[in-house]
């Protein structure tokens, strides 16, 4: 009818003048914040893990490295492309649309799968305390399986996502949200006739199961089981004679509580970021009487970007909770400060600039060239004597070890003298 058409026209005008501008500007600001924080935070954790923590025997480092890489690629690739699609228009290519959206689905599912496998590995370690925690083959197997499963699960996203145009000939790429329908059709008498289930409806259920429901169930089950194991180990441990409390309770209060708090924070982050999007999908599928204008995909994008912000909060939580990452971050910042930001000391024009942090003492005297040559010759002669002594056949291994210990002890004393006197003896 004419009244319905007029309502649609007024709704479109209101959407274009008021709602779209506010929502698009807000989404633009949020995207830039998420992009900057995620790239900086994930980049810092990548550098620290590659430089300092790859040689460690902790199993969680491999999982954290994969999760951080996925978060970095999601924010560095998906957010700029989504902003380009909103403000400029999508490139007229259905192939690029399918590849990019399929890659996004693959990265998100791999992130969720690796976090769930990390919780399973922690459960395995807590159940078997004598289990070797430095087995790299199992970790590589678990990580490769999670990548393969996420690759298989991302195949339907390639076929579902499409390149389309809206009423204003604006190109966009994504899931066909406005075409999802699970409505009960009625005949003229008003009785239920049949239930129409389209491909999009099944796809939304599939996305919800893969990205939210199944991983959340695994994570909650594993961490709840870990908590029960820790509580039972405290109750079963015998009390000490001096205090009357169990010795295992002290370890639980210090180490286990920190691990459980970190896991609770990560679970809450996962739920708060992903739950609103999945609620909206079910509301739209079931058609619960929510009145939506034609321009609703603009604010539905905010829910998508809230889910993507999960990649932004992960590095912040890791840096705030893990003391080892904080220690290495401080060390690297000190090195960068000493190399690039530290200014040289001010001296007169005739003298050279000193680039060292600590100045020498007043009573310091530089050694002459003759003294330097003597020290070099002494050092060379000492090295030859040690080499001949160690290669001698008639000397036992015990005597060699005693001799080496004496040399190490003398070197330590020499280093202490160098610190005090500021003179290089050798």
Protein backbone atom coordinates (compact mmCIF):
# COMPACT_ATOMS: atom_id res chain seq x y z
CA UNK A 1 0.00 0.00 0.00
CA UNK A 2 0.94 3.68 -0.26
CA UNK A 3 1.15 4.18 3.53
CA UNK A 4 3.65 1.32 3.90
CA UNK A 5 5.78 2.69 1.07
CA UNK A 6 5.79 6.14 2.69
CA UNK A 7 6.86 4.63 6.03
CA UNK A 8 9.73 2.84 4.28
CA UNK A 9 10.83 6.05 2.57
CA UNK A 10 10.75 8.04 5.83
CA UNK A 11 12.63 5.24 7.58
CA UNK A 12 15.32 5.34 4.90
CA UNK A 13 15.67 9.12 5.17
CA UNK A 14 15.92 8.96 8.97
CA UNK A 15 18.46 6.17 8.69
CA UNK A 16 20.63 8.10 6.26
CA UNK A 17 20.47 11.44 8.09
CA UNK A 18 20.75 10.42 11.75
CA UNK A 19 21.48 6.80 12.53
CA UNK A 20 24.04 5.97 9.87
CA UNK A 21 26.27 8.98 10.58
CA UNK A 22 26.41 8.40 14.30
CA UNK A 23 26.90 4.66 14.04
CA UNK A 24 29.49 4.85 11.26
CA UNK A 25 31.57 7.48 13.08
CA UNK A 26 31.42 5.48 16.30
CA UNK A 27 32.38 2.28 14.51
CA UNK A 28 35.24 4.07 12.73
CA UNK A 29 36.69 5.31 16.04
CA UNK A 30 36.29 1.89 17.68
CA UNK A 31 37.94 0.15 14.75
CA UNK A 32 40.96 2.44 14.78
CA UNK A 33 41.39 1.95 18.56
CA UNK A 34 41.09 -1.83 18.23
CA UNK A 35 43.49 -1.87 15.28
CA UNK A 36 46.18 0.17 17.03
CA UNK A 37 46.00 -1.57 20.40
CA UNK A 38 45.87 -5.04 18.87
CA UNK A 39 48.83 -4.52 16.52
CA UNK A 40 50.98 -2.99 19.27
CA UNK A 41 50.03 -5.51 21.97
CA UNK A 42 50.23 -8.61 19.80
CA UNK A 43 53.48 -7.36 18.25
CA UNK A 44 55.05 -6.94 21.71
CA UNK A 45 54.03 -10.46 22.76
CA UNK A 46 55.30 -11.90 19.47
CA UNK A 47 58.71 -10.28 19.92
CA UNK A 48 59.00 -11.42 23.56
CA UNK A 49 57.98 -15.02 22.81
CA UNK A 50 60.30 -15.34 19.81
CA UNK A 51 63.30 -13.73 21.52
CA UNK A 52 63.04 -15.05 25.08
CA UNK A 53 60.45 -17.79 25.58
CA UNK A 54 60.85 -20.18 22.63
CA UNK A 55 63.63 -22.12 24.40
CA UNK A 56 61.61 -22.57 27.56
CA UNK A 57 59.94 -25.88 28.43
CA UNK A 58 56.55 -24.36 29.18
CA UNK A 59 53.85 -25.82 26.93
CA UNK A 60 51.67 -22.73 26.93
CA UNK A 61 54.23 -20.70 24.94
CA UNK A 62 53.49 -22.51 21.66
CA UNK A 63 49.74 -22.02 22.08
CA UNK A 64 50.15 -18.37 23.03
CA UNK A 65 52.36 -17.81 19.99
CA UNK A 66 49.72 -19.25 17.64
CA UNK A 67 46.89 -17.31 19.30
CA UNK A 68 48.81 -14.04 19.10
CA UNK A 69 49.66 -14.62 15.43
CA UNK A 70 45.98 -15.24 14.64
CA UNK A 71 44.88 -12.12 16.55
CA UNK A 72 47.49 -10.05 14.73
CA UNK A 73 46.38 -11.22 11.27
CA UNK A 74 42.66 -10.80 12.06
CA UNK A 75 43.06 -7.18 13.11
CA UNK A 76 45.65 -6.31 10.45
CA UNK A 77 43.64 -7.75 7.52
CA UNK A 78 39.96 -7.82 8.41
CA UNK A 79 39.47 -4.38 10.00
CA UNK A 80 41.05 -2.32 7.15
CA UNK A 81 39.04 -4.27 4.57
CA UNK A 82 35.80 -3.81 6.50
CA UNK A 83 36.43 -0.07 6.81
CA UNK A 84 37.15 0.12 3.08
CA UNK A 85 33.89 -1.70 2.36
CA UNK A 86 31.83 0.60 4.58
CA UNK A 87 33.23 3.98 3.50
CA UNK A 88 34.42 3.54 -0.06
CA UNK A 89 32.58 0.46 -1.42
CA UNK A 90 33.63 -3.09 -1.95
CA UNK A 91 35.71 -4.09 -4.95
CA UNK A 92 33.53 -5.55 -7.69
CA UNK A 93 34.73 -9.13 -7.25
CA UNK A 94 32.89 -12.14 -5.91
CA UNK A 95 36.10 -14.20 -5.74
CA UNK A 96 37.83 -11.75 -3.37
CA UNK A 97 34.70 -11.63 -1.23
CA UNK A 98 34.66 -15.40 -0.79
CA UNK A 99 38.41 -15.66 -0.15
CA UNK A 100 38.53 -12.86 2.44
CA UNK A 101 35.41 -13.90 4.34
CA UNK A 102 36.50 -17.54 4.27
CA UNK A 103 39.92 -16.54 5.61
CA UNK A 104 38.27 -14.53 8.40
CA UNK A 105 36.14 -17.53 9.36
CA UNK A 106 39.24 -19.75 9.29
CA UNK A 107 41.25 -17.43 11.56
CA UNK A 108 38.43 -17.00 14.10
CA UNK A 109 37.72 -20.73 14.27
CA UNK A 110 41.44 -21.55 14.62
CA UNK A 111 41.75 -19.02 17.46
CA UNK A 112 38.85 -20.60 19.33
CA UNK A 113 40.08 -24.15 18.67
CA UNK A 114 43.60 -23.41 19.93
CA UNK A 115 42.26 -21.85 23.14
CA UNK A 116 40.13 -24.94 23.74
CA UNK A 117 43.11 -27.25 23.11
CA UNK A 118 45.15 -25.18 25.57
CA UNK A 119 42.52 -25.83 28.24
CA UNK A 120 42.62 -29.56 27.44
CA UNK A 121 46.43 -29.60 27.82
CA UNK A 122 46.17 -27.86 31.19
CA UNK A 123 43.66 -30.48 32.31
CA UNK A 124 46.06 -33.20 31.18
CA UNK A 125 48.88 -31.69 33.23
CA UNK A 126 46.77 -31.25 36.38
CA UNK A 127 45.44 -34.81 36.24
CA UNK A 128 48.88 -36.37 35.75
CA UNK A 129 51.40 -34.42 37.80
CA UNK A 130 54.21 -36.76 36.74
CA UNK A 131 53.40 -36.04 33.11
CA UNK A 132 56.33 -34.60 31.16
CA UNK A 133 55.48 -30.99 30.41
CA UNK A 134 58.20 -30.54 27.74
CA UNK A 135 56.84 -32.93 25.10
CA UNK A 136 56.95 -30.86 21.92
CA UNK A 137 55.59 -33.55 19.62
CA UNK A 138 52.20 -33.64 21.34
CA UNK A 139 51.94 -29.86 21.27
CA UNK A 140 52.74 -29.75 17.56
CA UNK A 141 50.21 -32.51 16.94
CA UNK A 142 47.46 -30.69 18.87
CA UNK A 143 48.18 -27.37 17.16
CA UNK A 144 48.30 -28.91 13.67
CA UNK A 145 45.03 -30.76 14.32
CA UNK A 146 43.34 -27.55 15.45
CA UNK A 147 44.53 -25.78 12.29
CA UNK A 148 43.28 -28.63 10.09
CA UNK A 149 39.89 -28.74 11.81
CA UNK A 150 39.45 -24.98 11.44
CA UNK A 151 40.40 -25.22 7.75
CA UNK A 152 37.72 -27.86 7.18
CA UNK A 153 35.13 -25.90 9.14
CA UNK A 154 35.73 -22.74 7.07
CA UNK A 155 34.66 -24.37 3.78
CA UNK A 156 30.91 -23.49 4.13
CA UNK A 157 31.78 -19.81 4.66
CA UNK A 158 33.28 -19.66 1.17
CA UNK A 159 29.99 -20.74 -0.41
CA UNK A 160 27.64 -18.71 1.82
CA UNK A 161 29.29 -15.27 1.59
CA UNK A 162 28.35 -13.25 -1.47
CA UNK A 163 29.05 -10.01 -3.26
CA UNK A 164 25.88 -7.87 -3.42
CA UNK A 165 24.48 -4.38 -3.89
CA UNK A 166 21.97 -2.61 -1.69
CA UNK A 167 19.15 -0.25 -2.74
CA UNK A 168 21.60 2.66 -3.17
CA UNK A 169 23.97 0.61 -5.40
CA UNK A 170 26.52 0.34 -2.62
CA UNK A 171 28.68 -2.76 -2.97
CA UNK A 172 29.22 -4.91 0.10
CA UNK A 173 30.47 -8.37 0.94
CA UNK A 174 29.36 -10.60 3.77
CA UNK A 175 26.79 -12.99 5.05
CA UNK A 176 23.26 -12.30 3.80
CA UNK A 177 21.82 -11.24 7.16
CA UNK A 178 18.64 -9.67 5.75
CA UNK A 179 17.75 -12.85 3.81
CA UNK A 180 17.76 -15.14 6.85
CA UNK A 181 14.30 -16.45 7.46
CA UNK A 182 12.82 -19.11 9.70
CA UNK A 183 9.18 -18.08 9.69
CA UNK A 184 6.11 -20.22 10.20
CA UNK A 185 3.90 -19.90 7.14
CA UNK A 186 0.13 -19.91 7.62
CA UNK A 187 -2.77 -20.50 5.28
CA UNK A 188 -5.95 -18.42 4.99
CA UNK A 189 -7.52 -20.05 8.07
CA UNK A 190 -4.53 -19.14 10.31
CA UNK A 191 -3.35 -22.70 11.08
CA UNK A 192 0.34 -23.68 10.92
CA UNK A 193 1.14 -25.08 7.52
CA UNK A 194 4.86 -25.81 7.32
CA UNK A 195 8.20 -24.71 8.67
CA UNK A 196 10.55 -23.29 6.06
CA UNK A 197 14.23 -23.79 6.92
CA UNK A 198 16.65 -22.19 4.49
CA UNK A 199 20.36 -22.65 4.05
CA UNK A 200 21.10 -19.41 5.90
CA UNK A 201 19.28 -20.64 8.99
CA UNK A 202 21.39 -23.80 9.12
CA UNK A 203 24.49 -21.72 8.49
CA UNK A 204 23.77 -19.48 11.49
CA UNK A 205 23.32 -22.51 13.73
CA UNK A 206 26.57 -23.90 12.35
CA UNK A 207 28.44 -20.64 13.05
CA UNK A 208 27.07 -20.49 16.58
CA UNK A 209 28.12 -24.07 17.32
CA UNK A 210 31.61 -23.72 15.81
CA UNK A 211 32.52 -20.26 17.13
CA UNK A 212 30.78 -20.10 20.49
CA UNK A 213 28.79 -22.99 21.95
CA UNK A 214 31.13 -25.98 21.53
CA UNK A 215 34.39 -24.14 22.46
CA UNK A 216 32.75 -22.47 25.44
CA UNK A 217 31.44 -25.82 26.65
CA UNK A 218 34.91 -27.38 26.35
CA UNK A 219 36.57 -24.48 28.18
CA UNK A 220 34.03 -24.41 31.01
CA UNK A 221 34.17 -28.19 31.47
CA UNK A 222 37.99 -28.34 31.53
CA UNK A 223 38.53 -25.42 33.90
CA UNK A 224 35.73 -26.60 36.19
CA UNK A 225 37.31 -30.05 36.32
CA UNK A 226 40.71 -28.46 37.07
CA UNK A 227 39.19 -26.49 39.95
CA UNK A 228 37.63 -29.68 41.39
CA UNK A 229 40.98 -31.51 41.17
CA UNK A 230 42.78 -28.70 42.97
CA UNK A 231 40.18 -28.54 45.75
CA UNK A 232 40.26 -32.31 46.26
CA UNK A 233 44.08 -32.33 46.41
CA UNK A 234 43.96 -29.72 49.20
CA UNK A 235 41.39 -31.67 51.22
CA UNK A 236 43.26 -34.97 50.86
CA UNK A 237 46.67 -33.55 51.86
CA UNK A 238 47.64 -34.13 55.54
CA UNK A 239 48.02 -31.10 57.85
CA UNK A 240 51.44 -30.00 59.09
CA UNK A 241 52.42 -30.37 62.76
CA UNK A 242 53.46 -26.76 63.32
CA UNK A 243 50.57 -24.83 61.76
CA UNK A 244 47.81 -27.43 61.53
CA UNK A 245 47.08 -26.48 57.90
CA UNK A 246 48.00 -28.50 54.84
CA UNK A 247 51.15 -27.58 52.97
CA UNK A 248 49.34 -27.94 49.64
CA UNK A 249 46.97 -25.13 50.62
CA UNK A 250 49.82 -22.63 50.55
CA UNK A 251 50.73 -23.61 47.00
CA UNK A 252 47.08 -23.43 46.00
CA UNK A 253 46.61 -19.95 47.40
CA UNK A 254 49.66 -18.54 45.64
CA UNK A 255 50.03 -20.26 42.28
CA UNK A 256 46.76 -22.01 41.58
CA UNK A 257 44.60 -19.03 42.43
CA UNK A 258 46.53 -16.86 39.98
CA UNK A 259 46.05 -19.42 37.21
CA UNK A 260 42.34 -19.75 37.98
CA UNK A 261 41.85 -15.97 38.04
CA UNK A 262 43.57 -15.65 34.68
CA UNK A 263 41.40 -18.41 33.21
CA UNK A 264 38.22 -16.79 34.59
CA UNK A 265 39.19 -13.43 33.06
CA UNK A 266 39.84 -15.05 29.68
CA UNK A 267 36.50 -16.87 29.78
CA UNK A 268 34.65 -13.66 30.68
CA UNK A 269 36.42 -11.84 27.85
CA UNK A 270 35.33 -14.55 25.42
CA UNK A 271 31.71 -14.48 26.60
CA UNK A 272 31.30 -10.69 26.73
CA UNK A 273 32.78 -10.17 23.26
CA UNK A 274 30.99 -12.94 21.38
CA UNK A 275 27.66 -13.33 23.21
CA UNK A 276 25.86 -10.18 21.87
CA UNK A 277 26.48 -11.13 18.24
CA UNK A 278 25.12 -14.65 18.69
CA UNK A 279 22.10 -13.35 20.62
CA UNK A 280 21.31 -11.01 17.74
CA UNK A 281 21.62 -13.85 15.23
CA UNK A 282 19.11 -15.98 17.14
CA UNK A 283 16.74 -13.02 17.54
CA UNK A 284 16.85 -12.42 13.81
CA UNK A 285 16.45 -16.08 12.89
CA UNK A 286 13.53 -16.77 15.22
CA UNK A 287 11.82 -13.44 14.38
CA UNK A 288 10.91 -12.56 17.98
CA UNK A 289 9.03 -9.41 17.07
CA UNK A 290 12.05 -7.10 16.93
CA UNK A 291 11.24 -4.21 14.61
CA UNK A 292 14.23 -3.44 12.43
CA UNK A 293 14.62 -0.74 9.81
CA UNK A 294 16.19 -1.31 6.41
CA UNK A 295 19.50 0.13 7.63
CA UNK A 296 20.03 -2.31 10.51
CA UNK A 297 23.21 -3.89 9.03
CA UNK A 298 25.12 -0.69 9.93
CA UNK A 299 24.64 -1.22 13.66
CA UNK A 300 24.91 -4.98 13.33
CA UNK A 301 28.48 -4.25 12.23
CA UNK A 302 29.10 -2.88 15.71
CA UNK A 303 28.35 -6.32 17.12
CA UNK A 304 30.78 -7.86 14.65
CA UNK A 305 33.47 -5.39 15.68
CA UNK A 306 32.78 -6.08 19.36
CA UNK A 307 33.46 -9.74 18.63
CA UNK A 308 36.67 -8.81 16.79
CA UNK A 309 37.77 -6.75 19.83
CA UNK A 310 38.38 -10.12 21.52
CA UNK A 311 41.71 -10.06 19.65
CA UNK A 312 42.50 -6.68 21.21
CA UNK A 313 41.90 -7.68 24.84
CA UNK A 314 43.92 -10.92 24.76
CA UNK A 315 47.41 -9.29 24.72
CA UNK A 316 46.38 -6.81 27.41
CA UNK A 317 45.29 -9.64 29.72
CA UNK A 318 48.50 -11.60 29.06
CA UNK A 319 50.75 -8.60 29.75
CA UNK A 320 48.87 -7.66 32.93
CA UNK A 321 48.73 -11.17 34.39
CA UNK A 322 52.03 -12.84 33.43
CA UNK A 323 55.03 -11.57 35.40
CA UNK A 324 57.53 -13.19 33.01
CA UNK A 325 56.27 -11.13 30.08
CA UNK A 326 56.44 -8.00 32.22
CA UNK A 327 60.06 -8.76 33.15
CA UNK A 328 61.15 -9.26 29.53
CA UNK A 329 59.21 -6.19 28.41
CA UNK A 330 61.02 -4.01 30.94
CA UNK A 331 64.36 -5.46 29.86
CA UNK A 332 63.69 -4.79 26.16
CA UNK A 333 62.47 -1.27 26.88
CA UNK A 334 65.68 -0.53 28.80
CA UNK A 335 67.74 -1.75 25.84
CA UNK A 336 65.78 0.42 23.41
CA UNK A 337 66.09 3.41 25.72
CA UNK A 338 69.85 3.00 26.03
CA UNK A 339 70.30 2.66 22.25
CA UNK A 340 67.98 5.28 20.78
CA UNK A 341 66.66 7.66 23.43
CA UNK A 342 69.65 8.10 25.75
CA UNK A 343 71.43 11.38 25.04
CA UNK A 344 75.25 11.63 25.22
CA UNK A 345 76.85 13.56 28.08
CA UNK A 346 77.74 17.22 27.50
CA UNK A 347 81.48 17.89 27.25
CA UNK A 348 83.66 20.65 25.88
CA UNK A 349 84.14 21.21 22.15
CA UNK A 350 87.76 20.06 22.09
CA UNK A 351 87.08 16.72 23.77
CA UNK A 352 85.20 13.80 22.23
CA UNK A 353 81.63 12.90 23.18
CA UNK A 354 81.22 10.12 25.70
CA UNK A 355 78.39 7.67 24.87
CA UNK A 356 78.63 5.58 28.02
CA UNK A 357 76.06 5.80 30.80
CA UNK A 358 78.53 5.66 33.70
CA UNK A 359 81.50 8.00 33.72
CA UNK A 360 84.89 6.78 34.99
CA UNK A 361 86.19 7.95 38.33
CA UNK A 362 88.53 10.88 38.78
CA UNK A 363 91.52 8.72 39.79
CA UNK A 364 91.16 6.58 36.70
CA UNK A 365 94.26 6.38 34.48
CA UNK A 366 94.26 4.94 31.02
CA UNK A 367 96.84 2.19 30.47
CA UNK A 368 99.63 2.97 28.06
CA UNK A 369 100.35 1.05 24.85
CA UNK A 370 103.20 -0.88 26.47
CA UNK A 371 100.93 -2.04 29.33
CA UNK A 372 98.25 -3.11 26.85
CA UNK A 373 100.75 -5.19 24.85
CA UNK A 374 102.09 -6.81 28.05
CA UNK A 375 98.57 -7.73 29.15
CA UNK A 376 97.77 -9.22 25.75
CA UNK A 377 100.95 -11.32 25.76
CA UNK A 378 100.26 -12.53 29.31
CA UNK A 379 96.74 -13.52 28.33
CA UNK A 380 98.01 -15.40 25.26
CA UNK A 381 100.65 -17.25 27.30
CA UNK A 382 98.07 -18.19 29.96
CA UNK A 383 95.74 -19.63 27.32
CA UNK A 384 98.54 -21.77 25.86
CA UNK A 385 99.51 -23.04 29.31
CA UNK A 386 95.92 -24.03 30.12
CA UNK A 387 95.55 -25.76 26.73
CA UNK A 388 98.77 -27.78 27.22
CA UNK A 389 97.81 -28.74 30.76
CA UNK A 390 94.37 -30.01 29.76
CA UNK A 391 95.70 -32.00 26.78
CA UNK A 392 98.42 -33.72 28.84
CA UNK A 393 98.01 -37.51 28.94
CA UNK A 394 99.40 -38.24 32.43
CA UNK A 395 96.93 -35.93 34.24
CA UNK A 396 93.68 -37.39 35.61
CA UNK A 397 90.24 -35.97 34.92
CA UNK A 398 89.76 -35.01 38.58
CA UNK A 399 92.91 -32.89 38.56
CA UNK A 400 91.73 -31.17 35.39
CA UNK A 401 88.38 -30.35 37.00
CA UNK A 402 90.09 -28.96 40.12
CA UNK A 403 92.37 -26.84 37.95
CA UNK A 404 89.44 -25.45 35.95
CA UNK A 405 87.54 -24.61 39.16
CA UNK A 406 90.57 -22.66 40.41
CA UNK A 407 90.75 -20.75 37.12
CA UNK A 408 87.04 -19.86 37.32
CA UNK A 409 87.47 -18.70 40.92
CA UNK A 410 90.41 -16.50 39.91
CA UNK A 411 88.44 -15.01 37.00
CA UNK A 412 85.60 -14.09 39.36
CA UNK A 413 88.05 -12.33 41.69
CA UNK A 414 89.57 -10.49 38.72
CA UNK A 415 86.11 -9.30 37.62
CA UNK A 416 85.42 -7.97 41.12
CA UNK A 417 88.74 -6.10 41.04
CA UNK A 418 87.80 -4.62 37.67
CA UNK A 419 84.52 -3.33 39.07
CA UNK A 420 86.26 -1.74 42.05
CA UNK A 421 89.40 -0.39 40.40
CA UNK A 422 87.96 0.16 36.90
CA UNK A 423 91.13 -1.32 35.38
CA UNK A 424 91.26 -4.14 32.84
CA UNK A 425 93.86 -6.60 34.10
CA UNK A 426 93.78 -8.81 31.01
